[in-house]
Amino acid sequence: MKKITILSGLLATLSITAQATVLNGGFEQWSANLPDSWSLIDSGITLTPSTGIKLSGNSAAAISVNTTDQANTDLRQLVSVTAGQTYNFSTAVYHTEGNVRARLYVNGYQGYSNEQLTGQWQTLSYSYTAGSSGNIEIGLRFYDVAGFDGAELVYVDQFEPATTEAPPPTGCANTSVDFVLNTDNYGAETSWQLVSNVSGTVYSGDGYAANSSYTEQWCLADADYTFSIFDSYGDGICCSYGNGSYSLTLGGQPVFSGGAFASQQSHSFTLGSTGGGGDLGSYYADAAGLTGYNLKTALHNIIKTHTAQGYSAIWGFYNVYELDNYYENDGSILDIYSEKPSASDSYVYAAGSDQCGNYSKEGDCYNREHSFPRSWFGGAIEPMNSDIHHIFATDGFVNAKRGSYPFGEVGSASFTSSNGSKLGSAAAGTGYSGVVFEPIDEFKGDIARAYFYMATRYQHQLANWQNNSSEANAALNGSTTQVFESWLLQLLKQWHQQDPVSQKERDRNDAAYQYQGNRNPFIDHPQFVSAIWGN
């Protein structure tokens, strides 16, 4: 096996000190893409400052091992030592894929890193006693191991003597999340930033190579965060020129993901304790510690002011944010009445060009479906008529079949759409005997949380809606607290539990927040449902 070398320069002009000082051991000072006091001699290896993954200070060294000619992969510099003195050298190493091993160099090759510990900092250290006074070389060498694919990132920070300082800490005292970025054919067009409402920009990245994968682990304090990704050309990172993507996960669970956007895409999320109390982030701060209808009123006051964009603007929202980036991942309109989560859709709609229009059968065009029917709140009245939180893209023909009937569980179907959505008489034992419309299981939770949003956002108006139509009377109980008839409330809570919040909903909620300025609390904090209406 050959060896890769990042040889940091042998600085003949380095002054002798008794402290064995490692110059620029925190990799804070850079000239072009080389850290000051370190140098690179292997053209197959590159160094760049990392402001994203870092142990302390403003930056670390991101070392890209991208050659199969592994000769001379040393990152070194000269330090001065005094005969008889003992020096405890240490550095922190962060592996991303686990297919390259780092080895500490202190006047010779010492111990190895554990390359299988990915996504976290580990410390390499060595105690050196100088046999004579003079200069010695210190640094790192990188070795490939089984699975090395010719491209891997290793991060290094806090290279220092440890005579008076403790080794760099390991782990994360706050919340650790994992960020993955896969670039398209034009990686240099991509940049991103993570902004905290408490401390501003906490992580950022740019200057990426094409068709490459980057993994970072972020250590985040409790706060509200907004992640924004940018494409300077304006075509996102998927799918015009490659299949780029990005994602953030917490404990293996998705927080957000994407790839298909224009010039910019943003996602918002909150880290903090939940469960109806404690820190809910600044957006929901006024709801902290509350339960029952007091919580519902607090949430109403938080989300009640949004900027209505108008009914016609919904088409533009759909063109960017109502796309299938989750199932077939083909960028077509995501129609909840035709989408087949585990099979090919019977038809697909192109954003913009296939919007209704006239229709005579399923598959003709897509429409704007008021999941909470407009007849229930009195017609084309703003802001309800254009509130994107409850208006989904659906097939026009199926939308017309649904009409203004309540959602429910169908016992005997008179109509079934291509994906299995049904219209018919309510199933026995549900507490209602009229005609209902039942979406497929994949979207039942989406509908339920849209209804809980409507019950909260329009709390001050709901009492007047019950008598607007017979269907509204069947669904609403005339109160501003419980809001729904008991049969429907129990059904919505059941759907909410059986179909948990999906990444699609999180992304849509983020987009809606950008679009009209308010959020659906029951997507951000699903526990609010039981905290208000019980289990």
Protein backbone atom coordinates (compact mmCIF):
# COMPACT_ATOMS: atom_id res chain seq x y z
CA MET A 1 0.00 0.00 0.00
CA LYS A 2 1.26 3.44 -0.87
CA LYS A 3 1.14 6.39 1.44
CA ILE A 4 -0.39 9.91 0.92
CA THR A 5 1.64 12.88 2.20
CA ILE A 6 0.61 16.32 3.19
CA LEU A 7 4.06 17.53 4.16
CA SER A 8 3.93 20.76 5.98
CA GLY A 9 7.02 22.81 5.34
CA LEU A 10 10.28 22.46 7.14
CA LEU A 11 10.55 26.04 8.29
CA ALA A 12 14.27 26.73 8.48
CA THR A 13 13.61 30.22 9.76
CA LEU A 14 11.55 29.06 12.75
CA SER A 15 12.87 30.58 15.96
CA ILE A 16 13.85 28.31 18.83
CA THR A 17 11.70 28.52 21.97
CA ALA A 18 11.72 26.48 25.15
CA GLN A 19 7.95 25.93 24.97
CA ALA A 20 7.88 23.79 21.80
CA THR A 21 5.22 26.15 20.50
CA VAL A 22 3.16 24.82 17.60
CA LEU A 23 2.55 27.78 15.32
CA ASN A 24 -1.01 28.20 14.08
CA GLY A 25 -2.01 24.95 15.78
CA GLY A 26 -5.65 26.07 15.73
CA PHE A 27 -5.52 26.60 11.93
CA GLU A 28 -6.90 30.10 12.30
CA GLN A 29 -4.56 31.91 9.88
CA TRP A 30 -4.61 31.04 6.18
CA SER A 31 -2.93 32.28 3.04
CA ALA A 32 -4.99 31.18 0.03
CA ASN A 33 -5.78 27.55 0.85
CA LEU A 34 -2.77 26.85 3.04
CA PRO A 35 -2.64 27.37 6.80
CA ASP A 36 0.17 29.66 7.84
CA SER A 37 3.23 27.80 9.19
CA TRP A 38 2.11 24.61 7.45
CA SER A 39 2.67 23.69 3.80
CA LEU A 40 1.48 21.14 1.29
CA ILE A 41 3.73 19.25 -1.09
CA ASP A 42 1.44 16.58 -2.54
CA SER A 43 -0.72 17.82 -5.45
CA GLY A 44 -3.27 15.08 -4.77
CA ILE A 45 -4.04 16.51 -1.33
CA THR A 46 -5.74 19.81 -0.63
CA LEU A 47 -6.31 21.85 2.51
CA THR A 48 -9.07 24.39 3.07
CA PRO A 49 -10.29 26.23 6.16
CA SER A 50 -13.43 24.73 7.70
CA THR A 51 -15.73 27.14 9.52
CA GLY A 52 -18.40 24.45 9.79
CA ILE A 53 -16.74 21.50 11.48
CA LYS A 54 -14.30 22.92 14.02
CA LEU A 55 -13.39 22.22 17.62
CA SER A 56 -12.78 25.79 18.72
CA GLY A 57 -11.90 29.20 17.36
CA ASN A 58 -13.01 30.30 13.92
CA SER A 59 -11.78 27.42 11.77
CA ALA A 60 -10.17 24.02 11.51
CA ALA A 61 -8.22 22.41 8.67
CA ALA A 62 -10.29 20.37 6.22
CA ILE A 63 -7.89 17.89 4.64
CA SER A 64 -9.14 16.35 1.43
CA VAL A 65 -7.45 13.07 0.58
CA ASN A 66 -8.23 12.66 -3.12
CA THR A 67 -5.44 10.66 -4.67
CA THR A 68 -4.68 6.96 -4.95
CA ASP A 69 -0.96 7.76 -5.13
CA GLN A 70 -0.44 7.66 -1.39
CA ALA A 71 3.11 8.83 -1.05
CA ASN A 72 4.19 11.47 1.47
CA THR A 73 0.93 12.41 3.15
CA ASP A 74 2.52 14.27 6.01
CA LEU A 75 1.29 17.54 7.48
CA ARG A 76 4.22 18.86 9.52
CA GLN A 77 6.09 21.80 10.95
CA LEU A 78 9.26 22.33 12.98
CA VAL A 79 9.20 23.09 16.69
CA SER A 80 12.06 23.75 19.09
CA VAL A 81 12.76 21.47 22.06
CA THR A 82 15.24 21.52 24.93
CA ALA A 83 17.22 18.49 26.05
CA GLY A 84 15.68 16.69 29.03
CA GLN A 85 12.31 18.48 28.75
CA THR A 86 9.09 16.49 28.30
CA TYR A 87 6.46 17.78 25.89
CA ASN A 88 2.92 16.45 25.62
CA PHE A 89 1.79 16.96 22.03
CA SER A 90 -1.85 16.46 21.07
CA THR A 91 -4.27 17.17 18.26
CA ALA A 92 -7.94 16.60 17.51
CA VAL A 93 -9.01 14.58 14.45
CA TYR A 94 -12.50 14.22 12.92
CA HIS A 95 -13.19 11.41 10.42
CA THR A 96 -16.10 11.64 7.98
CA GLU A 97 -16.20 8.28 6.19
CA GLY A 98 -13.78 6.10 8.13
CA ASN A 99 -11.64 4.95 5.23
CA VAL A 100 -8.53 6.99 6.01
CA ARG A 101 -6.44 6.70 9.19
CA ALA A 102 -4.45 9.54 10.76
CA ARG A 103 -1.12 8.92 12.51
CA LEU A 104 0.52 11.38 14.87
CA TYR A 105 4.09 12.36 14.02
CA VAL A 106 6.40 13.60 16.78
CA ASN A 107 10.03 13.22 15.70
CA GLY A 108 8.87 9.90 14.25
CA TYR A 109 5.61 8.06 13.66
CA GLN A 110 3.52 7.47 16.78
CA GLY A 111 -0.09 6.27 17.41
CA TYR A 112 -3.00 6.00 14.98
CA SER A 113 -6.49 7.44 15.10
CA ASN A 114 -9.51 5.17 15.17
CA GLU A 115 -10.93 5.74 11.70
CA GLN A 116 -14.17 3.96 12.62
CA LEU A 117 -15.11 6.80 14.99
CA THR A 118 -16.77 8.99 12.39
CA GLY A 119 -18.70 12.19 12.93
CA GLN A 120 -16.95 13.08 16.20
CA TRP A 121 -13.71 14.53 17.46
CA GLN A 122 -11.04 12.26 18.94
CA THR A 123 -7.71 13.17 20.46
CA LEU A 124 -4.29 11.85 19.49
CA SER A 125 -1.48 12.53 21.97
CA TYR A 126 2.12 11.59 22.59
CA SER A 127 4.55 12.45 25.40
CA TYR A 128 8.00 13.25 24.01
CA THR A 129 11.21 13.74 26.02
CA ALA A 130 13.92 15.54 24.10
CA GLY A 131 17.26 13.82 24.02
CA SER A 132 18.98 16.94 22.75
CA SER A 133 18.18 20.56 22.10
CA GLY A 134 17.12 21.64 18.63
CA ASN A 135 14.26 21.33 16.16
CA ILE A 136 11.99 18.33 15.66
CA GLU A 137 9.17 17.76 13.23
CA ILE A 138 5.60 17.29 14.43
CA GLY A 139 2.43 16.71 12.45
CA LEU A 140 0.23 14.00 10.96
CA ARG A 141 0.36 11.35 8.26
CA PHE A 142 -2.68 9.86 6.53
CA TYR A 143 -3.06 6.24 5.45
CA ASP A 144 -5.82 4.70 3.39
CA VAL A 145 -7.64 1.62 4.68
CA ALA A 146 -10.09 -0.81 3.10
CA GLY A 147 -12.97 1.03 1.46
CA PHE A 148 -11.05 4.18 0.53
CA ASP A 149 -12.64 5.52 -2.66
CA GLY A 150 -10.03 8.13 -3.54
CA ALA A 151 -11.86 11.03 -1.90
CA GLU A 152 -12.32 11.60 1.82
CA LEU A 153 -12.33 14.54 4.19
CA VAL A 154 -10.52 14.54 7.53
CA TYR A 155 -10.68 17.55 9.84
CA VAL A 156 -7.84 18.57 12.17
CA ASP A 157 -7.87 21.21 14.90
CA GLN A 158 -6.00 22.28 18.05
CA PHE A 159 -2.54 20.88 17.35
CA GLU A 160 -0.60 21.92 20.41
CA PRO A 161 1.79 20.98 23.21
CA ALA A 162 -0.26 19.92 26.23
CA THR A 163 2.17 20.83 29.01
CA THR A 164 -0.17 23.47 30.43
CA GLU A 165 -3.42 22.76 28.60
CA ALA A 166 -5.74 19.76 28.70
CA PRO A 167 -6.27 17.76 25.49
CA PRO A 168 -9.12 18.94 23.28
CA PRO A 169 -12.51 17.80 24.57
CA THR A 170 -14.46 15.13 22.75
CA GLY A 171 -18.18 14.81 22.17
CA CYS A 172 -20.86 17.47 22.19
CA ALA A 173 -22.32 18.95 25.37
CA ASN A 174 -25.39 20.24 23.50
CA THR A 175 -27.30 18.59 20.60
CA SER A 176 -25.35 16.79 17.91
CA VAL A 177 -26.84 16.74 14.40
CA ASP A 178 -25.45 15.34 11.15
CA PHE A 179 -25.36 17.35 7.93
CA VAL A 180 -24.74 15.69 4.55
CA LEU A 181 -24.21 17.54 1.27
CA ASN A 182 -23.89 15.81 -2.10
CA THR A 183 -22.92 18.26 -4.82
CA ASP A 184 -23.99 18.20 -8.48
CA ASN A 185 -21.83 18.75 -11.55
CA TYR A 186 -21.15 22.34 -10.46
CA GLY A 187 -20.27 22.15 -6.78
CA ALA A 188 -18.63 25.58 -6.81
CA GLU A 189 -22.09 27.15 -7.33
CA THR A 190 -23.32 25.81 -3.98
CA SER A 191 -23.07 27.55 -0.62
CA TRP A 192 -25.04 27.39 2.61
CA GLN A 193 -25.33 28.82 6.09
CA LEU A 194 -26.94 27.92 9.39
CA VAL A 195 -28.19 30.90 11.39
CA SER A 196 -29.24 30.88 15.05
CA ASN A 197 -31.64 33.43 16.48
CA VAL A 198 -29.28 33.65 19.47
CA SER A 199 -25.77 33.79 18.02
CA GLY A 200 -26.17 34.52 14.30
CA THR A 201 -24.32 32.40 11.73
CA VAL A 202 -22.95 29.31 13.46
CA TYR A 203 -21.92 27.18 10.47
CA SER A 204 -21.46 27.84 6.76
CA GLY A 205 -19.84 26.31 3.71
CA ASP A 206 -18.85 27.03 0.11
CA GLY A 207 -16.19 26.29 -2.48
CA TYR A 208 -17.19 22.66 -3.02
CA ALA A 209 -15.94 20.21 -5.61
CA ALA A 210 -18.29 18.72 -8.19
CA ASN A 211 -20.05 15.39 -7.58
CA SER A 212 -18.64 15.03 -4.08
CA SER A 213 -20.07 14.06 -0.72
CA TYR A 214 -19.45 16.09 2.44
CA THR A 215 -20.47 15.12 5.95
CA GLU A 216 -20.36 17.38 8.98
CA GLN A 217 -21.46 17.00 12.58
CA TRP A 218 -22.81 20.15 14.17
CA CYS A 219 -23.00 20.76 17.90
CA LEU A 220 -25.99 23.05 18.49
CA ALA A 221 -27.29 24.80 21.56
CA ASP A 222 -31.05 25.15 22.11
CA ALA A 223 -32.34 27.90 19.82
CA ASP A 224 -34.34 28.59 16.68
CA TYR A 225 -32.34 27.85 13.52
CA THR A 226 -32.72 28.64 9.85
CA PHE A 227 -30.70 26.70 7.29
CA SER A 228 -30.38 28.28 3.85
CA ILE A 229 -28.74 26.77 0.80
CA PHE A 230 -27.89 28.80 -2.29
CA ASP A 231 -27.13 28.05 -5.93
CA SER A 232 -25.45 30.93 -7.77
CA TYR A 233 -26.69 29.75 -11.17
CA GLY A 234 -30.29 29.39 -10.02
CA ASP A 235 -31.04 25.73 -10.75
CA GLY A 236 -30.53 24.12 -7.35
CA ILE A 237 -28.40 20.99 -7.05
CA CYS A 238 -30.90 18.48 -8.42
CA CYS A 239 -31.75 17.46 -11.02
CA SER A 240 -30.75 19.52 -14.06
CA TYR A 241 -26.99 18.98 -13.77
CA GLY A 242 -26.44 16.00 -11.54
CA ASN A 243 -28.25 14.55 -8.57
CA GLY A 244 -27.20 16.70 -5.66
CA SER A 245 -28.94 16.57 -2.30
CA TYR A 246 -28.65 17.73 1.29
CA SER A 247 -30.04 16.51 4.58
CA LEU A 248 -29.91 17.09 8.31
CA THR A 249 -30.61 14.28 10.78
CA LEU A 250 -30.92 14.21 14.55
CA GLY A 251 -30.40 10.84 16.22
CA GLY A 252 -30.94 9.14 12.87
CA GLN A 253 -34.28 10.90 12.34
CA PRO A 254 -34.67 13.39 9.47
CA VAL A 255 -34.95 17.09 10.25
CA PHE A 256 -35.01 18.31 6.64
CA SER A 257 -33.71 17.39 3.21
CA GLY A 258 -33.86 18.62 -0.35
CA GLY A 259 -32.02 19.29 -3.57
CA ALA A 260 -34.54 20.66 -6.07
CA PHE A 261 -34.87 24.43 -5.73
CA ALA A 262 -34.05 27.55 -7.71
CA SER A 263 -31.58 30.08 -6.28
CA GLN A 264 -32.32 29.47 -2.60
CA GLN A 265 -34.09 27.10 -0.23
CA SER A 266 -34.50 27.53 3.52
CA HIS A 267 -35.60 25.30 6.39
CA SER A 268 -36.38 26.34 9.96
CA PHE A 269 -36.25 24.16 13.05
CA THR A 270 -36.11 24.54 16.81
CA LEU A 271 -33.92 22.75 19.33
CA GLY A 272 -35.12 22.74 22.91
CA SER A 273 -37.19 20.76 25.38
CA THR A 274 -40.76 19.91 24.38
CA GLY A 275 -43.80 18.29 25.91
CA GLY A 276 -45.95 21.34 26.49
CA GLY A 277 -43.45 23.14 28.70
CA GLY A 278 -39.87 24.26 28.89
CA ASP A 279 -38.01 25.99 26.09
CA LEU A 280 -39.97 25.83 22.82
CA GLY A 281 -37.73 28.29 21.03
CA SER A 282 -38.40 31.97 20.58
CA TYR A 283 -41.25 31.49 18.09
CA TYR A 284 -43.32 29.52 20.61
CA ALA A 285 -41.93 31.14 23.76
CA ASP A 286 -45.34 32.53 24.80
CA ALA A 287 -46.77 28.98 24.82
CA ALA A 288 -44.19 27.56 27.21
CA GLY A 289 -45.65 25.78 30.22
CA LEU A 290 -49.28 25.92 29.03
CA THR A 291 -51.74 23.10 28.37
CA GLY A 292 -55.38 22.70 27.36
CA TYR A 293 -57.26 25.54 25.74
CA ASN A 294 -54.91 28.07 27.32
CA LEU A 295 -52.19 26.58 25.14
CA LYS A 296 -54.48 26.75 22.11
CA THR A 297 -55.16 30.45 22.74
CA ALA A 298 -51.45 31.16 23.15
CA LEU A 299 -50.72 29.42 19.85
CA HIS A 300 -53.56 31.37 18.21
CA ASN A 301 -51.95 34.63 19.30
CA ILE A 302 -48.60 33.47 17.90
CA ILE A 303 -49.85 32.47 14.43
CA LYS A 304 -52.89 34.71 13.96
CA THR A 305 -51.09 37.39 11.99
CA HIS A 306 -49.90 36.32 8.57
CA THR A 307 -49.64 38.03 5.22
CA ALA A 308 -52.31 36.73 2.83
CA GLN A 309 -50.74 36.34 -0.62
CA GLY A 310 -54.02 35.93 -2.51
CA TYR A 311 -55.61 32.91 -4.14
CA SER A 312 -53.84 33.25 -7.50
CA ALA A 313 -50.40 33.28 -5.84
CA ILE A 314 -50.91 29.66 -4.75
CA TRP A 315 -49.97 28.48 -8.25
CA GLY A 316 -46.53 30.01 -7.80
CA PHE A 317 -46.11 28.38 -4.40
CA TYR A 318 -46.96 25.00 -5.92
CA ASN A 319 -44.42 25.48 -8.73
CA VAL A 320 -41.62 25.67 -6.18
CA TYR A 321 -42.76 23.92 -3.00
CA GLU A 322 -45.51 21.41 -3.91
CA LEU A 323 -43.19 19.09 -5.83
CA ASP A 324 -42.56 15.38 -5.53
CA ASN A 325 -39.09 15.27 -4.03
CA TYR A 326 -40.05 12.42 -1.70
CA TYR A 327 -41.57 9.48 -3.59
CA GLU A 328 -40.69 9.20 -7.30
CA ASN A 329 -38.50 12.27 -6.72
CA ASP A 330 -39.28 13.46 -10.24
CA GLY A 331 -40.13 17.08 -9.46
CA SER A 332 -43.73 16.72 -10.63
CA ILE A 333 -46.63 18.22 -8.68
CA LEU A 334 -47.28 16.23 -5.51
CA ASP A 335 -51.01 15.49 -5.77
CA ILE A 336 -52.19 13.88 -2.52
CA TYR A 337 -55.23 12.34 -4.25
CA SER A 338 -53.15 10.48 -6.87
CA GLU A 339 -49.73 9.96 -5.28
CA LYS A 340 -48.88 6.27 -4.77
CA PRO A 341 -46.17 6.15 -2.10
CA SER A 342 -44.95 2.64 -2.93
CA ALA A 343 -45.75 2.36 -6.67
CA SER A 344 -45.63 4.36 -9.87
CA ASP A 345 -48.27 7.05 -10.13
CA SER A 346 -51.00 6.59 -12.71
CA TYR A 347 -50.22 10.05 -14.07
CA VAL A 348 -47.98 13.00 -13.26
CA TYR A 349 -48.50 16.74 -13.49
CA ALA A 350 -45.88 19.19 -14.69
CA ALA A 351 -45.70 22.30 -12.52
CA GLY A 352 -47.48 25.22 -14.14
CA SER A 353 -48.42 23.70 -17.49
CA ASP A 354 -50.90 21.13 -16.11
CA GLN A 355 -52.86 23.33 -13.71
CA CYS A 356 -56.66 23.50 -14.08
CA GLY A 357 -58.47 24.57 -16.34
CA ASN A 358 -61.18 22.31 -17.44
CA TYR A 359 -61.38 18.64 -16.57
CA SER A 360 -63.68 15.76 -17.38
CA LYS A 361 -61.82 12.85 -15.78
CA GLU A 362 -59.07 12.08 -13.36
CA GLY A 363 -55.63 12.90 -14.75
CA ASP A 364 -56.67 16.02 -16.70
CA CYS A 365 -55.16 18.72 -14.43
CA TYR A 366 -54.32 19.66 -10.86
CA ASN A 367 -56.26 22.10 -8.71
CA ARG A 368 -56.10 23.97 -5.38
CA GLU A 369 -57.90 21.86 -2.79
CA HIS A 370 -59.23 23.60 0.31
CA SER A 371 -58.90 20.68 2.71
CA PHE A 372 -61.04 22.80 5.04
CA PRO A 373 -63.77 23.61 2.50
CA ARG A 374 -64.28 27.27 1.66
CA SER A 375 -68.05 26.89 2.01
CA TRP A 376 -67.48 26.13 5.70
CA PHE A 377 -65.98 29.59 6.30
CA GLY A 378 -68.37 31.41 3.99
CA GLY A 379 -66.74 31.40 0.55
CA ALA A 380 -63.79 33.20 -1.02
CA ILE A 381 -63.01 35.20 2.10
CA GLU A 382 -59.46 36.17 3.05
CA PRO A 383 -57.24 35.20 4.68
CA MET A 384 -58.82 31.71 4.91
CA ASN A 385 -59.32 31.41 1.15
CA SER A 386 -55.58 31.64 0.40
CA ASP A 387 -54.07 30.21 3.62
CA ILE A 388 -51.51 27.80 2.21
CA HIS A 389 -51.40 25.70 5.37
CA HIS A 390 -54.67 23.97 4.41
CA ILE A 391 -54.67 24.24 0.60
CA PHE A 392 -53.06 21.27 -1.15
CA ALA A 393 -52.44 20.41 -4.80
CA THR A 394 -54.89 17.73 -5.93
CA ASP A 395 -56.36 16.33 -9.12
CA GLY A 396 -59.16 18.65 -10.26
CA PHE A 397 -61.65 15.86 -10.96
CA VAL A 398 -61.06 14.15 -7.59
CA ASN A 399 -61.19 17.52 -5.87
CA ALA A 400 -64.67 18.05 -7.36
CA LYS A 401 -65.73 14.58 -6.19
CA ARG A 402 -64.67 15.42 -2.65
CA GLY A 403 -66.63 18.67 -2.76
CA SER A 404 -67.33 19.99 0.73
CA TYR A 405 -67.89 16.65 2.43
CA PRO A 406 -66.13 16.07 5.75
CA PHE A 407 -63.13 13.79 5.91
CA GLY A 408 -63.86 10.43 7.47
CA GLU A 409 -63.55 6.68 7.11
CA VAL A 410 -65.55 5.26 4.22
CA GLY A 411 -67.62 2.13 4.74
CA SER A 412 -69.11 1.80 1.25
CA ALA A 413 -67.31 3.69 -1.55
CA SER A 414 -69.15 5.28 -4.46
CA PHE A 415 -65.88 6.57 -5.98
CA THR A 416 -62.23 5.58 -5.62
CA SER A 417 -59.35 7.57 -7.09
CA SER A 418 -56.28 6.07 -8.74
CA ASN A 419 -54.32 6.02 -5.47
CA GLY A 420 -57.15 4.69 -3.33
CA SER A 421 -58.74 7.87 -1.95
CA LYS A 422 -62.45 7.18 -1.48
CA LEU A 423 -65.81 8.91 -1.39
CA GLY A 424 -68.79 7.18 0.18
CA SER A 425 -70.95 6.66 3.23
CA ALA A 426 -69.18 6.73 6.58
CA ALA A 427 -68.15 3.43 8.12
CA ALA A 428 -70.36 2.06 10.88
CA GLY A 429 -69.23 2.80 14.40
CA THR A 430 -67.48 6.07 13.54
CA GLY A 431 -70.16 8.25 15.10
CA TYR A 432 -71.29 9.73 11.77
CA SER A 433 -73.54 8.30 9.06
CA GLY A 434 -73.27 10.84 6.25
CA VAL A 435 -71.08 11.01 3.14
CA VAL A 436 -67.33 11.42 3.81
CA PHE A 437 -64.09 11.53 1.85
CA GLU A 438 -61.14 9.39 2.97
CA PRO A 439 -57.57 10.12 1.77
CA ILE A 440 -54.98 7.35 1.78
CA ASP A 441 -53.12 6.59 5.02
CA GLU A 442 -49.97 8.41 3.83
CA PHE A 443 -51.70 11.80 4.02
CA LYS A 444 -54.20 11.38 6.84
CA GLY A 445 -51.88 12.96 9.39
CA ASP A 446 -51.19 15.86 7.01
CA ILE A 447 -54.92 16.55 6.79
CA ALA A 448 -55.43 16.23 10.56
CA ARG A 449 -52.66 18.70 11.35
CA ALA A 450 -54.05 21.14 8.78
CA TYR A 451 -57.40 20.94 10.60
CA PHE A 452 -55.81 21.51 14.01
CA TYR A 453 -54.06 24.52 12.48
CA MET A 454 -57.35 25.93 11.18
CA ALA A 455 -59.00 25.36 14.57
CA THR A 456 -56.23 27.39 16.18
CA ARG A 457 -55.43 30.08 13.60
CA TYR A 458 -59.11 31.08 13.20
CA GLN A 459 -60.18 30.46 16.77
CA HIS A 460 -61.81 33.89 17.04
CA GLN A 461 -64.05 33.29 13.98
CA LEU A 462 -65.03 29.62 14.26
CA ALA A 463 -68.22 30.07 16.24
CA ASN A 464 -69.89 31.66 13.21
CA TRP A 465 -68.99 28.93 10.74
CA GLN A 466 -71.07 26.00 11.92
CA ASN A 467 -74.25 27.14 10.17
CA ASN A 468 -72.69 28.06 6.83
CA SER A 469 -73.57 24.64 5.33
CA SER A 470 -74.92 21.26 6.32
CA GLU A 471 -71.42 19.76 5.92
CA ALA A 472 -69.93 22.44 8.19
CA ASN A 473 -72.62 21.67 10.77
CA ALA A 474 -71.73 17.98 10.59
CA ALA A 475 -68.05 18.71 11.27
CA LEU A 476 -68.01 21.74 13.60
CA ASN A 477 -69.61 21.96 17.04
CA GLY A 478 -69.89 25.75 17.20
CA SER A 479 -67.28 26.25 19.92
CA THR A 480 -63.91 27.99 19.76
CA THR A 481 -62.34 25.42 22.09
CA GLN A 482 -63.11 21.84 21.03
CA VAL A 483 -64.09 23.19 17.57
CA PHE A 484 -64.95 19.81 15.99
CA GLU A 485 -67.82 17.45 16.59
CA SER A 486 -66.63 14.63 18.85
CA TRP A 487 -66.70 11.99 16.09
CA LEU A 488 -64.43 14.10 13.87
CA LEU A 489 -62.12 15.19 16.69
CA GLN A 490 -61.47 11.58 17.67
CA LEU A 491 -60.82 10.67 14.04
CA LEU A 492 -58.39 13.57 13.53
CA LYS A 493 -56.46 12.67 16.68
CA GLN A 494 -56.27 9.07 15.48
CA TRP A 495 -54.96 10.11 12.06
CA HIS A 496 -52.47 12.45 13.71
CA GLN A 497 -51.07 9.58 15.80
CA GLN A 498 -51.09 6.92 13.08
CA ASP A 499 -49.44 9.11 10.42
CA PRO A 500 -46.65 11.07 12.18
CA VAL A 501 -45.11 14.26 10.82
CA SER A 502 -43.12 13.56 7.65
CA GLN A 503 -40.18 15.36 6.09
CA LYS A 504 -42.52 16.54 3.35
CA GLU A 505 -44.65 18.32 5.97
CA ARG A 506 -41.64 19.88 7.67
CA ASP A 507 -40.35 21.25 4.39
CA ARG A 508 -43.77 22.54 3.43
CA ASN A 509 -44.18 24.18 6.82
CA ASP A 510 -40.83 25.93 6.39
CA ALA A 511 -41.87 27.08 2.92
CA ALA A 512 -45.22 28.34 4.19
CA TYR A 513 -43.44 30.33 6.89
CA GLN A 514 -41.32 32.04 4.25
CA TYR A 515 -44.34 32.50 1.99
CA GLN A 516 -46.93 33.97 4.37
CA GLY A 517 -45.15 34.46 7.68
CA ASN A 518 -46.66 31.93 10.08
CA ARG A 519 -46.18 28.27 10.96
CA ASN A 520 -48.31 25.21 11.74
CA PRO A 521 -47.55 24.52 15.42
CA PHE A 522 -48.76 20.92 15.19
CA ILE A 523 -46.05 20.09 12.66
CA ASP A 524 -43.32 21.76 14.70
CA HIS A 525 -44.56 20.29 18.00
CA PRO A 526 -46.92 17.32 17.44
CA GLN A 527 -47.34 16.94 21.21
CA PHE A 528 -49.47 20.11 21.19
CA VAL A 529 -52.44 18.05 19.91
CA SER A 530 -52.71 15.89 23.02
CA ALA A 531 -51.70 18.81 25.24
CA ILE A 532 -54.78 20.70 23.98
CA TRP A 533 -57.39 18.06 23.14
CA GLY A 534 -56.20 15.07 25.20
CA ASN A 535 -55.01 11.66 24.12
